[in-house]
Amino acid sequence: MTAVKVADRVTPEDIKKAKKDYGGYIKVVVNITTGEMVIGGQWHADGEKILLESGRQQDIWGGGIDLKNNKIDLIALINLRPGFGNDSQEILRQHKFRS
């Protein structure tokens, strides 16, 4: 597992590490309140575990980037949160982001 917590901006070295698990696809997990992000890892839960050290689960959502066609998806098992109004693995609920 190669999950990389991104401090400020994603660097080429971060992407190189994050690509180790799936090559052309990188899992992304973001804390929408703090802006912290983890890229890579075999499971979105890997990134979620890292971000839970400094955040709340309801603020942490997952998706991914397909590097072959530059498409972003908003699908992750960790997004299935009926208690927070999201009944799908896809992010369906609107969230207010702090700036």
PDB file of N, CA and C in Angstrom:
ATOM      1  N   MET A   1       0.838  -1.181   0.000  1.00  0.00           N
ATOM      2  CA  MET A   1       0.000   0.000   0.000  1.00  0.00           C
ATOM      3  C   MET A   1       0.879   1.239   0.000  1.00  0.00           C
ATOM      4  N   THR A   2       0.560   2.156  -0.895  1.00  0.00           N
ATOM      5  CA  THR A   2       1.312   3.392  -0.979  1.00  0.00           C
ATOM      6  C   THR A   2       0.345   4.568  -0.933  1.00  0.00           C
ATOM      7  N   ALA A   3      -0.104   4.898   0.271  1.00  0.00           N
ATOM      8  CA  ALA A   3      -0.964   6.060   0.458  1.00  0.00           C
ATOM      9  C   ALA A   3      -0.079   7.233   0.854  1.00  0.00           C
ATOM     10  N   VAL A   4      -0.308   8.375   0.213  1.00  0.00           N
ATOM     11  CA  VAL A   4       0.530   9.550   0.416  1.00  0.00           C
ATOM     12  C   VAL A   4      -0.337  10.691   0.939  1.00  0.00           C
ATOM     13  N   LYS A   5      -0.033  11.180   2.137  1.00  0.00           N
ATOM     14  CA  LYS A   5      -0.736  12.352   2.655  1.00  0.00           C
ATOM     15  C   LYS A   5      -0.092  13.583   2.029  1.00  0.00           C
ATOM     16  N   VAL A   6      -0.933  14.394   1.406  1.00  0.00           N
ATOM     17  CA  VAL A   6      -0.443  15.570   0.698  1.00  0.00           C
ATOM     18  C   VAL A   6      -0.499  16.760   1.644  1.00  0.00           C
ATOM     19  N   ALA A   7       0.654  17.373   1.849  1.00  0.00           N
ATOM     20  CA  ALA A   7       0.747  18.492   2.777  1.00  0.00           C
ATOM     21  C   ALA A   7       0.178  19.773   2.189  1.00  0.00           C
ATOM     22  N   ASP A   8       0.593  20.115   0.998  1.00  0.00           N
ATOM     23  CA  ASP A   8       0.173  21.388   0.418  1.00  0.00           C
ATOM     24  C   ASP A   8      -0.312  21.176  -1.010  1.00  0.00           C
ATOM     25  N   ARG A   9       0.589  20.812  -1.878  1.00  0.00           N
ATOM     26  CA  ARG A   9       0.269  20.551  -3.283  1.00  0.00           C
ATOM     27  C   ARG A   9       0.819  19.186  -3.662  1.00  0.00           C
ATOM     28  N   VAL A  10       0.148  18.566  -4.604  1.00  0.00           N
ATOM     29  CA  VAL A  10       0.604  17.267  -5.087  1.00  0.00           C
ATOM     30  C   VAL A  10       1.832  17.480  -5.962  1.00  0.00           C
ATOM     31  N   THR A  11       2.883  16.758  -5.638  1.00  0.00           N
ATOM     32  CA  THR A  11       4.122  16.857  -6.406  1.00  0.00           C
ATOM     33  C   THR A  11       4.229  15.675  -7.374  1.00  0.00           C
ATOM     34  N   PRO A  12       5.095  15.787  -8.373  1.00  0.00           N
ATOM     35  CA  PRO A  12       5.322  14.637  -9.258  1.00  0.00           C
ATOM     36  C   PRO A  12       5.775  13.400  -8.476  1.00  0.00           C
ATOM     37  N   GLU A  13       6.542  13.588  -7.420  1.00  0.00           N
ATOM     38  CA  GLU A  13       6.991  12.461  -6.586  1.00  0.00           C
ATOM     39  C   GLU A  13       5.802  11.819  -5.867  1.00  0.00           C
ATOM     40  N   ASP A  14       4.853  12.636  -5.381  1.00  0.00           N
ATOM     41  CA  ASP A  14       3.638  12.112  -4.746  1.00  0.00           C
ATOM     42  C   ASP A  14       2.865  11.233  -5.727  1.00  0.00           C
ATOM     43  N   ILE A  15       2.716  11.703  -6.961  1.00  0.00           N
ATOM     44  CA  ILE A  15       1.981  10.952  -7.980  1.00  0.00           C
ATOM     45  C   ILE A  15       2.698   9.651  -8.301  1.00  0.00           C
ATOM     46  N   LYS A  16       4.006   9.703  -8.399  1.00  0.00           N
ATOM     47  CA  LYS A  16       4.793   8.493  -8.681  1.00  0.00           C
ATOM     48  C   LYS A  16       4.557   7.441  -7.599  1.00  0.00           C
ATOM     49  N   LYS A  17       4.562   7.856  -6.334  1.00  0.00           N
ATOM     50  CA  LYS A  17       4.316   6.926  -5.223  1.00  0.00           C
ATOM     51  C   LYS A  17       2.886   6.403  -5.259  1.00  0.00           C
ATOM     52  N   ALA A  18       1.920   7.310  -5.491  1.00  0.00           N
ATOM     53  CA  ALA A  18       0.505   6.942  -5.462  1.00  0.00           C
ATOM     54  C   ALA A  18       0.129   5.986  -6.592  1.00  0.00           C
ATOM     55  N   LYS A  19       0.838   6.021  -7.706  1.00  0.00           N
ATOM     56  CA  LYS A  19       0.560   5.160  -8.856  1.00  0.00           C
ATOM     57  C   LYS A  19       0.995   3.718  -8.635  1.00  0.00           C
ATOM     58  N   LYS A  20       1.743   3.431  -7.581  1.00  0.00           N
ATOM     59  CA  LYS A  20       2.295   2.091  -7.384  1.00  0.00           C
ATOM     60  C   LYS A  20       1.219   1.015  -7.237  1.00  0.00           C
ATOM     61  N   ASP A  21       0.059   1.352  -6.678  1.00  0.00           N
ATOM     62  CA  ASP A  21      -0.967   0.335  -6.458  1.00  0.00           C
ATOM     63  C   ASP A  21      -1.766  -0.004  -7.708  1.00  0.00           C
ATOM     64  N   TYR A  22      -2.165   1.001  -8.496  1.00  0.00           N
ATOM     65  CA  TYR A  22      -3.035   0.739  -9.643  1.00  0.00           C
ATOM     66  C   TYR A  22      -2.529   1.319 -10.957  1.00  0.00           C
ATOM     67  N   GLY A  23      -1.347   1.855 -10.981  1.00  0.00           N
ATOM     68  CA  GLY A  23      -0.794   2.371 -12.232  1.00  0.00           C
ATOM     69  C   GLY A  23      -1.476   3.633 -12.710  1.00  0.00           C
ATOM     70  N   GLY A  24      -2.428   3.499 -13.624  1.00  0.00           N
ATOM     71  CA  GLY A  24      -3.074   4.647 -14.237  1.00  0.00           C
ATOM     72  C   GLY A  24      -4.263   5.202 -13.482  1.00  0.00           C
ATOM     73  N   TYR A  25      -4.543   4.667 -12.303  1.00  0.00           N
ATOM     74  CA  TYR A  25      -5.673   5.149 -11.500  1.00  0.00           C
ATOM     75  C   TYR A  25      -5.185   5.438 -10.084  1.00  0.00           C
ATOM     76  N   ILE A  26      -5.558   6.593  -9.574  1.00  0.00           N
ATOM     77  CA  ILE A  26      -5.142   6.961  -8.217  1.00  0.00           C
ATOM     78  C   ILE A  26      -6.387   7.219  -7.372  1.00  0.00           C
ATOM     79  N   LYS A  27      -6.490   6.519  -6.267  1.00  0.00           N
ATOM     80  CA  LYS A  27      -7.574   6.765  -5.318  1.00  0.00           C
ATOM     81  C   LYS A  27      -7.274   8.060  -4.574  1.00  0.00           C
ATOM     82  N   VAL A  28      -8.329   8.822  -4.308  1.00  0.00           N
ATOM     83  CA  VAL A  28      -8.192  10.112  -3.631  1.00  0.00           C
ATOM     84  C   VAL A  28      -9.197  10.166  -2.496  1.00  0.00           C
ATOM     85  N   VAL A  29      -8.741  10.602  -1.326  1.00  0.00           N
ATOM     86  CA  VAL A  29      -9.614  10.794  -0.174  1.00  0.00           C
ATOM     87  C   VAL A  29      -9.328  12.186   0.380  1.00  0.00           C
ATOM     88  N   VAL A  30     -10.403  12.960   0.598  1.00  0.00           N
ATOM     89  CA  VAL A  30     -10.253  14.356   1.003  1.00  0.00           C
ATOM     90  C   VAL A  30     -11.101  14.646   2.235  1.00  0.00           C
ATOM     91  N   ASN A  31     -10.531  15.409   3.161  1.00  0.00           N
ATOM     92  CA  ASN A  31     -11.296  15.972   4.256  1.00  0.00           C
ATOM     93  C   ASN A  31     -11.783  17.331   3.756  1.00  0.00           C
ATOM     94  N   ILE A  32     -13.082  17.460   3.517  1.00  0.00           N
ATOM     95  CA  ILE A  32     -13.606  18.675   2.899  1.00  0.00           C
ATOM     96  C   ILE A  32     -13.606  19.866   3.848  1.00  0.00           C
ATOM     97  N   THR A  33     -13.410  19.620   5.124  1.00  0.00           N
ATOM     98  CA  THR A  33     -13.360  20.716   6.089  1.00  0.00           C
ATOM     99  C   THR A  33     -11.955  21.280   6.224  1.00  0.00           C
ATOM    100  N   THR A  34     -10.958  20.397   6.329  1.00  0.00           N
ATOM    101  CA  THR A  34      -9.582  20.849   6.537  1.00  0.00           C
ATOM    102  C   THR A  34      -8.806  21.006   5.235  1.00  0.00           C
ATOM    103  N   GLY A  35      -9.281  20.348   4.162  1.00  0.00           N
ATOM    104  CA  GLY A  35      -8.559  20.381   2.897  1.00  0.00           C
ATOM    105  C   GLY A  35      -7.439  19.356   2.818  1.00  0.00           C
ATOM    106  N   GLU A  36      -7.252  18.569   3.867  1.00  0.00           N
ATOM    107  CA  GLU A  36      -6.222  17.529   3.835  1.00  0.00           C
ATOM    108  C   GLU A  36      -6.618  16.458   2.822  1.00  0.00           C
ATOM    109  N   MET A  37      -5.613  15.832   2.210  1.00  0.00           N
ATOM    110  CA  MET A  37      -5.872  14.853   1.175  1.00  0.00           C
ATOM    111  C   MET A  37      -4.857  13.722   1.246  1.00  0.00           C
ATOM    112  N   VAL A  38      -5.334  12.511   0.939  1.00  0.00           N
ATOM    113  CA  VAL A  38      -4.467  11.351   0.795  1.00  0.00           C
ATOM    114  C   VAL A  38      -4.714  10.796  -0.598  1.00  0.00           C
ATOM    115  N   ILE A  39      -3.630  10.510  -1.313  1.00  0.00           N
ATOM    116  CA  ILE A  39      -3.744   9.905  -2.641  1.00  0.00           C
ATOM    117  C   ILE A  39      -3.055   8.548  -2.619  1.00  0.00           C
ATOM    118  N   GLY A  40      -3.563   7.641  -3.439  1.00  0.00           N
ATOM    119  CA  GLY A  40      -2.988   6.307  -3.522  1.00  0.00           C
ATOM    120  C   GLY A  40      -3.572   5.367  -2.494  1.00  0.00           C
ATOM    121  N   GLY A  41      -2.951   4.221  -2.374  1.00  0.00           N
ATOM    122  CA  GLY A  41      -3.447   3.180  -1.479  1.00  0.00           C
ATOM    123  C   GLY A  41      -4.299   2.190  -2.237  1.00  0.00           C
ATOM    124  N   GLN A  42      -4.458   1.009  -1.678  1.00  0.00           N
ATOM    125  CA  GLN A  42      -5.267  -0.020  -2.315  1.00  0.00           C
ATOM    126  C   GLN A  42      -6.758   0.227  -2.112  1.00  0.00           C
ATOM    127  N   TRP A  43      -7.117   0.821  -0.999  1.00  0.00           N
ATOM    128  CA  TRP A  43      -8.510   1.060  -0.643  1.00  0.00           C
ATOM    129  C   TRP A  43      -8.691   2.515  -0.228  1.00  0.00           C
ATOM    130  N   HIS A  44      -9.869   3.061  -0.475  1.00  0.00           N
ATOM    131  CA  HIS A  44     -10.154   4.408   0.021  1.00  0.00           C
ATOM    132  C   HIS A  44     -10.079   4.432   1.555  1.00  0.00           C
ATOM    133  N   ALA A  45     -10.392   3.305   2.165  1.00  0.00           N
ATOM    134  CA  ALA A  45     -10.330   3.211   3.635  1.00  0.00           C
ATOM    135  C   ALA A  45      -8.910   3.445   4.153  1.00  0.00           C
ATOM    136  N   ASP A  46      -7.890   3.182   3.335  1.00  0.00           N
ATOM    137  CA  ASP A  46      -6.504   3.457   3.743  1.00  0.00           C
ATOM    138  C   ASP A  46      -6.323   4.958   3.972  1.00  0.00           C
ATOM    139  N   GLY A  47      -6.799   5.746   3.022  1.00  0.00           N
ATOM    140  CA  GLY A  47      -6.709   7.201   3.153  1.00  0.00           C
ATOM    141  C   GLY A  47      -7.614   7.729   4.247  1.00  0.00           C
ATOM    142  N   GLU A  48      -8.804   7.135   4.359  1.00  0.00           N
ATOM    143  CA  GLU A  48      -9.747   7.549   5.403  1.00  0.00           C
ATOM    144  C   GLU A  48      -9.131   7.357   6.786  1.00  0.00           C
ATOM    145  N   LYS A  49      -8.459   6.230   6.991  1.00  0.00           N
ATOM    146  CA  LYS A  49      -7.836   5.941   8.288  1.00  0.00           C
ATOM    147  C   LYS A  49      -6.804   7.016   8.646  1.00  0.00           C
ATOM    148  N   ILE A  50      -6.024   7.423   7.679  1.00  0.00           N
ATOM    149  CA  ILE A  50      -5.010   8.461   7.908  1.00  0.00           C
ATOM    150  C   ILE A  50      -5.678   9.787   8.271  1.00  0.00           C
ATOM    151  N   LEU A  51      -6.733  10.154   7.531  1.00  0.00           N
ATOM    152  CA  LEU A  51      -7.385  11.439   7.764  1.00  0.00           C
ATOM    153  C   LEU A  51      -8.227  11.449   9.041  1.00  0.00           C
ATOM    154  N   LEU A  52      -8.662  10.289   9.496  1.00  0.00           N
ATOM    155  CA  LEU A  52      -9.423  10.232  10.748  1.00  0.00           C
ATOM    156  C   LEU A  52      -8.577  10.591  11.967  1.00  0.00           C
ATOM    157  N   GLU A  53      -7.264  10.546  11.815  1.00  0.00           N
ATOM    158  CA  GLU A  53      -6.381  10.933  12.921  1.00  0.00           C
ATOM    159  C   GLU A  53      -6.560  12.401  13.286  1.00  0.00           C
ATOM    160  N   SER A  54      -7.027  13.212  12.325  1.00  0.00           N
ATOM    161  CA  SER A  54      -7.174  14.648  12.590  1.00  0.00           C
ATOM    162  C   SER A  54      -8.509  15.206  12.110  1.00  0.00           C
ATOM    163  N   GLY A  55      -9.504  14.334  11.900  1.00  0.00           N
ATOM    164  CA  GLY A  55     -10.772  14.834  11.390  1.00  0.00           C
ATOM    165  C   GLY A  55     -11.946  13.942  11.727  1.00  0.00           C
ATOM    166  N   ARG A  56     -13.125  14.387  11.282  1.00  0.00           N
ATOM    167  CA  ARG A  56     -14.369  13.659  11.520  1.00  0.00           C
ATOM    168  C   ARG A  56     -14.765  12.886  10.269  1.00  0.00           C
ATOM    169  N   GLN A  57     -15.330  11.702  10.474  1.00  0.00           N
ATOM    170  CA  GLN A  57     -15.670  10.840   9.347  1.00  0.00           C
ATOM    171  C   GLN A  57     -16.634  11.510   8.375  1.00  0.00           C
ATOM    172  N   GLN A  58     -17.589  12.281   8.871  1.00  0.00           N
ATOM    173  CA  GLN A  58     -18.565  12.899   7.969  1.00  0.00           C
ATOM    174  C   GLN A  58     -17.942  13.940   7.041  1.00  0.00           C
ATOM    175  N   ASP A  59     -16.711  14.338   7.302  1.00  0.00           N
ATOM    176  CA  ASP A  59     -16.009  15.308   6.460  1.00  0.00           C
ATOM    177  C   ASP A  59     -15.084  14.648   5.438  1.00  0.00           C
ATOM    178  N   ILE A  60     -14.986  13.317   5.466  1.00  0.00           N
ATOM    179  CA  ILE A  60     -14.016  12.597   4.639  1.00  0.00           C
ATOM    180  C   ILE A  60     -14.740  11.828   3.534  1.00  0.00           C
ATOM    181  N   TRP A  61     -14.370  12.130   2.286  1.00  0.00           N
ATOM    182  CA  TRP A  61     -15.035  11.557   1.124  1.00  0.00           C
ATOM    183  C   TRP A  61     -13.999  11.080   0.111  1.00  0.00           C
ATOM    184  N   GLY A  62     -14.375  10.102  -0.710  1.00  0.00           N
ATOM    185  CA  GLY A  62     -13.419   9.523  -1.638  1.00  0.00           C
ATOM    186  C   GLY A  62     -13.834   9.564  -3.091  1.00  0.00           C
ATOM    187  N   GLY A  63     -12.857   9.360  -3.935  1.00  0.00           N
ATOM    188  CA  GLY A  63     -13.048   9.302  -5.381  1.00  0.00           C
ATOM    189  C   GLY A  63     -11.761   8.838  -6.014  1.00  0.00           C
ATOM    190  N   GLY A  64     -11.541   9.243  -7.239  1.00  0.00           N
ATOM    191  CA  GLY A  64     -10.319   8.831  -7.900  1.00  0.00           C
ATOM    192  C   GLY A  64     -10.080   9.594  -9.182  1.00  0.00           C
ATOM    193  N   ILE A  65      -8.884   9.408  -9.716  1.00  0.00           N
ATOM    194  CA  ILE A  65      -8.485  10.047 -10.962  1.00  0.00           C
ATOM    195  C   ILE A  65      -7.921   8.978 -11.883  1.00  0.00           C
ATOM    196  N   ASP A  66      -8.495   8.896 -13.076  1.00  0.00           N
ATOM    197  CA  ASP A  66      -7.984   8.012 -14.110  1.00  0.00           C
ATOM    198  C   ASP A  66      -6.977   8.818 -14.924  1.00  0.00           C
ATOM    199  N   LEU A  67      -5.710   8.518 -14.761  1.00  0.00           N
ATOM    200  CA  LEU A  67      -4.656   9.294 -15.410  1.00  0.00           C
ATOM    201  C   LEU A  67      -4.587   9.082 -16.923  1.00  0.00           C
ATOM    202  N   LYS A  68      -5.194   8.005 -17.408  1.00  0.00           N
ATOM    203  CA  LYS A  68      -5.152   7.729 -18.848  1.00  0.00           C
ATOM    204  C   LYS A  68      -6.027   8.704 -19.631  1.00  0.00           C
ATOM    205  N   ASN A  69      -7.172   9.102 -19.019  1.00  0.00           N
ATOM    206  CA  ASN A  69      -8.068  10.005 -19.739  1.00  0.00           C
ATOM    207  C   ASN A  69      -8.404  11.259 -18.924  1.00  0.00           C
ATOM    208  N   ASN A  70      -7.715  11.438 -17.792  1.00  0.00           N
ATOM    209  CA  ASN A  70      -7.890  12.601 -16.913  1.00  0.00           C
ATOM    210  C   ASN A  70      -9.319  12.766 -16.387  1.00  0.00           C
ATOM    211  N   LYS A  71     -10.022  11.654 -16.212  1.00  0.00           N
ATOM    212  CA  LYS A  71     -11.380  11.705 -15.673  1.00  0.00           C
ATOM    213  C   LYS A  71     -11.343  11.524 -14.162  1.00  0.00           C
ATOM    214  N   ILE A  72     -12.182  12.305 -13.498  1.00  0.00           N
ATOM    215  CA  ILE A  72     -12.315  12.240 -12.047  1.00  0.00           C
ATOM    216  C   ILE A  72     -13.636  11.564 -11.737  1.00  0.00           C
ATOM    217  N   ASP A  73     -13.622  10.624 -10.791  1.00  0.00           N
ATOM    218  CA  ASP A  73     -14.873  10.031 -10.349  1.00  0.00           C
ATOM    219  C   ASP A  73     -15.069  10.316  -8.866  1.00  0.00           C
ATOM    220  N   LEU A  74     -16.293  10.208  -8.428  1.00  0.00           N
ATOM    221  CA  LEU A  74     -16.651  10.482  -7.035  1.00  0.00           C
ATOM    222  C   LEU A  74     -17.237   9.238  -6.397  1.00  0.00           C
ATOM    223  N   ILE A  75     -16.634   8.086  -6.695  1.00  0.00           N
ATOM    224  CA  ILE A  75     -17.160   6.809  -6.234  1.00  0.00           C
ATOM    225  C   ILE A  75     -16.164   6.146  -5.290  1.00  0.00           C
ATOM    226  N   ALA A  76     -16.662   5.779  -4.108  1.00  0.00           N
ATOM    227  CA  ALA A  76     -15.857   5.059  -3.127  1.00  0.00           C
ATOM    228  C   ALA A  76     -16.793   4.426  -2.109  1.00  0.00           C
ATOM    229  N   LEU A  77     -16.436   3.265  -1.633  1.00  0.00           N
ATOM    230  CA  LEU A  77     -17.242   2.590  -0.621  1.00  0.00           C
ATOM    231  C   LEU A  77     -17.414   3.457   0.628  1.00  0.00           C
ATOM    232  N   ILE A  78     -16.393   4.258   0.970  1.00  0.00           N
ATOM    233  CA  ILE A  78     -16.488   5.094   2.170  1.00  0.00           C
ATOM    234  C   ILE A  78     -17.543   6.182   2.027  1.00  0.00           C
ATOM    235  N   ASN A  79     -18.017   6.443   0.806  1.00  0.00           N
ATOM    236  CA  ASN A  79     -19.037   7.466   0.594  1.00  0.00           C
ATOM    237  C   ASN A  79     -20.444   6.980   0.943  1.00  0.00           C
ATOM    238  N   LEU A  80     -20.609   5.684   1.122  1.00  0.00           N
ATOM    239  CA  LEU A  80     -21.910   5.120   1.458  1.00  0.00           C
ATOM    240  C   LEU A  80     -22.214   5.474   2.917  1.00  0.00           C
ATOM    241  N   ARG A  81     -22.993   6.541   3.100  1.00  0.00           N
ATOM    242  CA  ARG A  81     -23.266   7.069   4.433  1.00  0.00           C
ATOM    243  C   ARG A  81     -24.724   7.499   4.557  1.00  0.00           C
ATOM    244  N   PRO A  82     -25.634   6.554   4.711  1.00  0.00           N
ATOM    245  CA  PRO A  82     -27.049   6.903   4.823  1.00  0.00           C
ATOM    246  C   PRO A  82     -27.331   7.863   5.981  1.00  0.00           C
ATOM    247  N   GLY A  83     -26.593   7.748   7.061  1.00  0.00           N
ATOM    248  CA  GLY A  83     -26.782   8.636   8.204  1.00  0.00           C
ATOM    249  C   GLY A  83     -26.461  10.089   7.914  1.00  0.00           C
ATOM    250  N   PHE A  84     -25.698  10.326   6.870  1.00  0.00           N
ATOM    251  CA  PHE A  84     -25.348  11.683   6.461  1.00  0.00           C
ATOM    252  C   PHE A  84     -26.045  12.067   5.163  1.00  0.00           C
ATOM    253  N   GLY A  85     -27.048  11.283   4.757  1.00  0.00           N
ATOM    254  CA  GLY A  85     -27.823  11.613   3.580  1.00  0.00           C
ATOM    255  C   GLY A  85     -27.225  11.176   2.263  1.00  0.00           C
ATOM    256  N   ASN A  86     -26.252  10.271   2.281  1.00  0.00           N
ATOM    257  CA  ASN A  86     -25.645   9.789   1.036  1.00  0.00           C
ATOM    258  C   ASN A  86     -25.843   8.272   0.959  1.00  0.00           C
ATOM    259  N   ASP A  87     -26.830   7.853   0.167  1.00  0.00           N
ATOM    260  CA  ASP A  87     -27.212   6.439   0.076  1.00  0.00           C
ATOM    261  C   ASP A  87     -26.517   5.691  -1.050  1.00  0.00           C
ATOM    262  N   SER A  88     -25.393   6.192  -1.514  1.00  0.00           N
ATOM    263  CA  SER A  88     -24.694   5.615  -2.654  1.00  0.00           C
ATOM    264  C   SER A  88     -23.182   5.659  -2.424  1.00  0.00           C
ATOM    265  N   GLN A  89     -22.468   4.837  -3.183  1.00  0.00           N
ATOM    266  CA  GLN A  89     -21.005   4.929  -3.162  1.00  0.00           C
ATOM    267  C   GLN A  89     -20.535   6.176  -3.893  1.00  0.00           C
ATOM    268  N   GLU A  90     -21.416   6.757  -4.685  1.00  0.00           N
ATOM    269  CA  GLU A  90     -21.109   8.006  -5.378  1.00  0.00           C
ATOM    270  C   GLU A  90     -21.536   9.171  -4.497  1.00  0.00           C
ATOM    271  N   ILE A  91     -20.793  10.253  -4.536  1.00  0.00           N
ATOM    272  CA  ILE A  91     -21.162  11.426  -3.750  1.00  0.00           C
ATOM    273  C   ILE A  91     -22.367  12.069  -4.435  1.00  0.00           C
ATOM    274  N   LEU A  92     -23.509  12.004  -3.772  1.00  0.00           N
ATOM    275  CA  LEU A  92     -24.748  12.540  -4.325  1.00  0.00           C
ATOM    276  C   LEU A  92     -25.219  13.776  -3.580  1.00  0.00           C
ATOM    277  N   ARG A  93     -24.831  13.890  -2.349  1.00  0.00           N
ATOM    278  CA  ARG A  93     -25.297  14.958  -1.481  1.00  0.00           C
ATOM    279  C   ARG A  93     -24.414  16.183  -1.653  1.00  0.00           C
ATOM    280  N   GLN A  94     -25.020  17.370  -1.639  1.00  0.00           N
ATOM    281  CA  GLN A  94     -24.232  18.600  -1.725  1.00  0.00           C
ATOM    282  C   GLN A  94     -23.650  18.912  -0.356  1.00  0.00           C
ATOM    283  N   HIS A  95     -22.454  19.397  -0.340  1.00  0.00           N
ATOM    284  CA  HIS A  95     -21.765  19.753   0.894  1.00  0.00           C
ATOM    285  C   HIS A  95     -21.323  21.200   0.819  1.00  0.00           C
ATOM    286  N   LYS A  96     -21.362  21.852   1.951  1.00  0.00           N
ATOM    287  CA  LYS A  96     -20.851  23.217   2.017  1.00  0.00           C
ATOM    288  C   LYS A  96     -19.383  23.123   2.397  1.00  0.00           C
ATOM    289  N   PHE A  97     -18.543  23.695   1.560  1.00  0.00           N
ATOM    290  CA  PHE A  97     -17.111  23.675   1.803  1.00  0.00           C
ATOM    291  C   PHE A  97     -16.699  24.940   2.523  1.00  0.00           C
ATOM    292  N   ARG A  98     -15.806  24.805   3.480  1.00  0.00           N
ATOM    293  CA  ARG A  98     -15.235  25.960   4.137  1.00  0.00           C
ATOM    294  C   ARG A  98     -14.095  26.481   3.280  1.00  0.00           C
ATOM    295  N   SER A  99     -13.946  27.786   3.252  1.00  0.00           N
ATOM    296  CA  SER A  99     -12.838  28.343   2.460  1.00  0.00           C
ATOM    297  C   SER A  99     -11.719  28.787   3.359  1.00  0.00           C
TER     298      SER A  99
END
